[in-house]
């Protein structure tokens, strides 16, 4: 029986750099590399909806910072 991995047709594009600085070579990429995902913007907005915690404070005067609430498990000493 033949090895099923012998039939693989996909290959990585050439890279530049090594280790943490490794990246795909932009000159070697073509329109065939990557994917078409027209719903990406809608999915991003759905998964990253703004909530009250990330909204800017509206009850503080401009230029003033609101102090963080103190933790209840620590004393002020």
C-alpha atoms as a PDB file:
ATOM      1  CA  UNK A   1       0.000   0.000   0.000  1.00  0.00           C
ATOM      2  CA  UNK A   2       1.349   3.431  -0.959  1.00  0.00           C
ATOM      3  CA  UNK A   3       1.988   6.102   1.647  1.00  0.00           C
ATOM      4  CA  UNK A   4      -0.980   8.583   1.581  1.00  0.00           C
ATOM      5  CA  UNK A   5       1.369  11.483   2.344  1.00  0.00           C
ATOM      6  CA  UNK A   6       3.058  10.998  -1.026  1.00  0.00           C
ATOM      7  CA  UNK A   7      -0.015  12.501  -2.751  1.00  0.00           C
ATOM      8  CA  UNK A   8       0.169  15.886  -1.020  1.00  0.00           C
ATOM      9  CA  UNK A   9       0.229  18.730  -3.532  1.00  0.00           C
ATOM     10  CA  UNK A  10       0.343  21.731  -1.183  1.00  0.00           C
ATOM     11  CA  UNK A  11       3.616  23.406  -0.321  1.00  0.00           C
ATOM     12  CA  UNK A  12       4.605  26.448   1.730  1.00  0.00           C
ATOM     13  CA  UNK A  13       5.672  29.584  -0.080  1.00  0.00           C
ATOM     14  CA  UNK A  14       9.299  30.694   0.356  1.00  0.00           C
ATOM     15  CA  UNK A  15      10.113  32.521   3.581  1.00  0.00           C
ATOM     16  CA  UNK A  16      12.509  35.259   4.619  1.00  0.00           C
ATOM     17  CA  UNK A  17      14.241  35.454   7.994  1.00  0.00           C
ATOM     18  CA  UNK A  18      14.528  32.849  10.706  1.00  0.00           C
ATOM     19  CA  UNK A  19      12.817  31.999  13.975  1.00  0.00           C
ATOM     20  CA  UNK A  20      10.513  34.722  15.308  1.00  0.00           C
ATOM     21  CA  UNK A  21      11.388  36.946  12.344  1.00  0.00           C
ATOM     22  CA  UNK A  22      10.325  34.366   9.720  1.00  0.00           C
ATOM     23  CA  UNK A  23       7.763  35.682   7.252  1.00  0.00           C
ATOM     24  CA  UNK A  24       6.515  34.815   3.786  1.00  0.00           C
ATOM     25  CA  UNK A  25       8.455  36.376   0.933  1.00  0.00           C
ATOM     26  CA  UNK A  26       6.029  38.977  -0.512  1.00  0.00           C
ATOM     27  CA  UNK A  27       7.772  38.855  -3.904  1.00  0.00           C
ATOM     28  CA  UNK A  28       7.124  35.111  -4.165  1.00  0.00           C
ATOM     29  CA  UNK A  29       3.384  35.331  -3.324  1.00  0.00           C
ATOM     30  CA  UNK A  30       0.788  35.368  -6.074  1.00  0.00           C
ATOM     31  CA  UNK A  31      -2.986  35.572  -6.376  1.00  0.00           C
ATOM     32  CA  UNK A  32      -3.102  31.773  -5.963  1.00  0.00           C
ATOM     33  CA  UNK A  33      -1.731  32.047  -2.410  1.00  0.00           C
ATOM     34  CA  UNK A  34      -4.192  32.882   0.356  1.00  0.00           C
ATOM     35  CA  UNK A  35      -7.965  32.720   0.392  1.00  0.00           C
ATOM     36  CA  UNK A  36     -11.022  34.690  -0.629  1.00  0.00           C
ATOM     37  CA  UNK A  37     -13.151  35.526   2.426  1.00  0.00           C
ATOM     38  CA  UNK A  38     -15.783  38.169   1.642  1.00  0.00           C
ATOM     39  CA  UNK A  39     -17.461  37.789   5.052  1.00  0.00           C
ATOM     40  CA  UNK A  40     -14.328  38.584   7.077  1.00  0.00           C
ATOM     41  CA  UNK A  41     -15.354  42.144   8.037  1.00  0.00           C
ATOM     42  CA  UNK A  42     -18.829  41.056   9.181  1.00  0.00           C
ATOM     43  CA  UNK A  43     -17.399  38.172  11.204  1.00  0.00           C
ATOM     44  CA  UNK A  44     -14.802  40.479  12.819  1.00  0.00           C
ATOM     45  CA  UNK A  45     -17.538  42.917  13.902  1.00  0.00           C
ATOM     46  CA  UNK A  46     -19.686  40.080  15.233  1.00  0.00           C
ATOM     47  CA  UNK A  47     -16.865  38.612  17.308  1.00  0.00           C
ATOM     48  CA  UNK A  48     -15.499  41.972  18.522  1.00  0.00           C
ATOM     49  CA  UNK A  49     -18.582  43.902  19.533  1.00  0.00           C
ATOM     50  CA  UNK A  50     -17.919  46.873  21.785  1.00  0.00           C
ATOM     51  CA  UNK A  51     -19.133  46.435  25.336  1.00  0.00           C
ATOM     52  CA  UNK A  52     -19.648  48.804  28.244  1.00  0.00           C
ATOM     53  CA  UNK A  53     -16.242  47.988  29.759  1.00  0.00           C
ATOM     54  CA  UNK A  54     -14.375  49.166  26.678  1.00  0.00           C
ATOM     55  CA  UNK A  55     -16.502  52.259  26.059  1.00  0.00           C
ATOM     56  CA  UNK A  56     -14.963  55.597  27.036  1.00  0.00           C
ATOM     57  CA  UNK A  57     -16.187  57.169  30.265  1.00  0.00           C
ATOM     58  CA  UNK A  58     -18.849  59.798  29.596  1.00  0.00           C
ATOM     59  CA  UNK A  59     -19.387  61.017  33.166  1.00  0.00           C
ATOM     60  CA  UNK A  60     -15.807  62.260  33.729  1.00  0.00           C
ATOM     61  CA  UNK A  61     -14.720  65.747  32.693  1.00  0.00           C
ATOM     62  CA  UNK A  62     -12.416  65.900  29.684  1.00  0.00           C
ATOM     63  CA  UNK A  63      -8.747  65.562  30.574  1.00  0.00           C
ATOM     64  CA  UNK A  64      -9.434  63.908  33.956  1.00  0.00           C
ATOM     65  CA  UNK A  65      -8.544  60.321  34.684  1.00  0.00           C
ATOM     66  CA  UNK A  66     -10.824  58.083  36.699  1.00  0.00           C
ATOM     67  CA  UNK A  67      -8.900  56.176  39.399  1.00  0.00           C
ATOM     68  CA  UNK A  68      -9.172  52.414  39.338  1.00  0.00           C
ATOM     69  CA  UNK A  69     -11.353  50.913  42.066  1.00  0.00           C
ATOM     70  CA  UNK A  70      -9.413  49.557  45.049  1.00  0.00           C
ATOM     71  CA  UNK A  71      -9.291  45.857  45.570  1.00  0.00           C
ATOM     72  CA  UNK A  72     -11.265  44.776  48.624  1.00  0.00           C
ATOM     73  CA  UNK A  73      -8.693  42.175  49.700  1.00  0.00           C
ATOM     74  CA  UNK A  74      -5.893  44.740  50.319  1.00  0.00           C
ATOM     75  CA  UNK A  75      -5.548  47.241  53.103  1.00  0.00           C
ATOM     76  CA  UNK A  76      -4.658  50.889  52.457  1.00  0.00           C
ATOM     77  CA  UNK A  77      -1.556  50.736  54.692  1.00  0.00           C
END
